[in-house]
C-alpha atoms as a PDB file:
ATOM      1  CA  MET A   1       0.000   0.000   0.000  1.00  0.00           C
ATOM      2  CA  ASP A   2       1.308   3.362  -0.974  1.00  0.00           C
ATOM      3  CA  VAL A   3       1.626   5.952   1.806  1.00  0.00           C
ATOM      4  CA  THR A   4      -0.012   8.600  -0.405  1.00  0.00           C
ATOM      5  CA  GLN A   5      -3.282   6.620  -0.416  1.00  0.00           C
ATOM      6  CA  ILE A   6      -3.792   6.849   3.352  1.00  0.00           C
ATOM      7  CA  PRO A   7      -5.474  10.308   3.355  1.00  0.00           C
ATOM      8  CA  SER A   8      -7.909   9.336   0.592  1.00  0.00           C
ATOM      9  CA  MET A   9      -8.747   6.105   2.399  1.00  0.00           C
ATOM     10  CA  ALA A  10      -9.366   8.001   5.638  1.00  0.00           C
ATOM     11  CA  THR A  11     -11.664  10.413   3.793  1.00  0.00           C
ATOM     12  CA  SER A  12     -13.536   7.522   2.190  1.00  0.00           C
ATOM     13  CA  LEU A  13     -14.052   5.861   5.566  1.00  0.00           C
ATOM     14  CA  GLU A  14     -15.333   9.121   7.054  1.00  0.00           C
ATOM     15  CA  ASP A  15     -17.769   9.552   4.149  1.00  0.00           C
ATOM     16  CA  LEU A  16     -18.988   6.010   4.657  1.00  0.00           C
ATOM     17  CA  SER A  17     -19.524   6.698   8.351  1.00  0.00           C
ATOM     18  CA  VAL A  18     -21.562   9.822   7.635  1.00  0.00           C
ATOM     19  CA  LYS A  19     -23.668   8.000   5.037  1.00  0.00           C
ATOM     20  CA  THR A  20     -24.318   5.159   7.470  1.00  0.00           C
ATOM     21  CA  GLN A  21     -25.429   7.574  10.191  1.00  0.00           C
ATOM     22  CA  ALA A  22     -27.740   9.355   7.740  1.00  0.00           C
ATOM     23  CA  SER A  23     -29.263   6.070   6.598  1.00  0.00           C
ATOM     24  CA  THR A  24     -29.815   5.030  10.199  1.00  0.00           C
ATOM     25  CA  LEU A  25     -31.610   8.284  10.992  1.00  0.00           C
ATOM     26  CA  VAL A  26     -33.843   7.955   7.933  1.00  0.00           C
ATOM     27  CA  LEU A  27     -34.708   4.374   8.905  1.00  0.00           C
ATOM     28  CA  LYS A  28     -35.489   5.472  12.463  1.00  0.00           C
ATOM     29  CA  LYS A  29     -37.843   8.211  11.199  1.00  0.00           C
ATOM     30  CA  ALA A  30     -39.581   5.732   8.867  1.00  0.00           C
ATOM     31  CA  LEU A  31     -40.093   3.244  11.701  1.00  0.00           C
ATOM     32  CA  GLU A  32     -41.483   5.967  13.977  1.00  0.00           C
ATOM     33  CA  ASN A  33     -43.876   7.007  11.212  1.00  0.00           C
ATOM     34  CA  GLN A  34     -45.062   3.421  10.707  1.00  0.00           C
ATOM     35  CA  GLN A  35     -45.547   3.050  14.437  1.00  0.00           C
ATOM     36  CA  SER A  36     -47.789   6.113  14.593  1.00  0.00           C
ATOM     37  CA  VAL A  37     -49.790   4.938  11.561  1.00  0.00           C
ATOM     38  CA  ALA A  38     -50.281   1.489  13.122  1.00  0.00           C
ATOM     39  CA  ALA A  39     -51.365   3.068  16.408  1.00  0.00           C
ATOM     40  CA  GLY A  40     -53.900   5.202  14.527  1.00  0.00           C
ATOM     41  CA  ILE A  41     -55.298   2.152  12.759  1.00  0.00           C
ATOM     42  CA  LEU A  42     -55.615   0.246  16.037  1.00  0.00           C
ATOM     43  CA  GLU A  43     -57.387   3.181  17.664  1.00  0.00           C
ATOM     44  CA  SER A  44     -59.895   3.352  14.804  1.00  0.00           C
ATOM     45  CA  ILE A  45     -61.142  -0.210  15.421  1.00  0.00           C
ATOM     46  CA  PRO A  46     -64.577   0.034  17.040  1.00  0.00           C
ATOM     47  CA  GLN A  47     -65.022  -1.304  20.553  1.00  0.00           C
ATOM     48  CA  LEU A  48     -66.919  -4.554  21.074  1.00  0.00           C
ATOM     49  CA  PRO A  49     -70.287  -4.357  22.838  1.00  0.00           C
ATOM     50  CA  SER A  50     -70.344  -5.211  26.531  1.00  0.00           C
ATOM     51  CA  ASN A  51     -72.394  -8.343  25.824  1.00  0.00           C
ATOM     52  CA  PRO A  52     -70.414 -10.341  23.236  1.00  0.00           C
ATOM     53  CA  ALA A  53     -73.527 -12.247  22.068  1.00  0.00           C
ATOM     54  CA  ILE A  54     -75.279  -9.064  20.907  1.00  0.00           C
ATOM     55  CA  GLY A  55     -74.833  -8.322  17.237  1.00  0.00           C
ATOM     56  CA  ARG A  56     -72.956 -11.494  16.444  1.00  0.00           C
ATOM     57  CA  ASN A  57     -75.723 -14.042  16.009  1.00  0.00           C
ATOM     58  CA  ILE A  58     -78.679 -14.149  13.633  1.00  0.00           C
ATOM     59  CA  ASN A  59     -81.821 -15.916  14.803  1.00  0.00           C
ATOM     60  CA  THR A  60     -82.896 -17.881  11.736  1.00  0.00           C
ATOM     61  CA  THR A  61     -85.703 -19.861  13.471  1.00  0.00           C
ATOM     62  CA  ALA A  62     -87.925 -16.925  14.363  1.00  0.00           C
END
């Protein structure tokens, strides 16, 4: 390895580190966004009635 290549290699490694940190932050933001969307969907599910038999059965013999 040539000694003159050391500064360019150090710069390349630093660039890679910065890109990795940026990618990690973008992934973290995307996961937080998906978490909030999933929480909103779960909150929009209607609550079950207090008596679980009401509204679930059809009386076909009446």
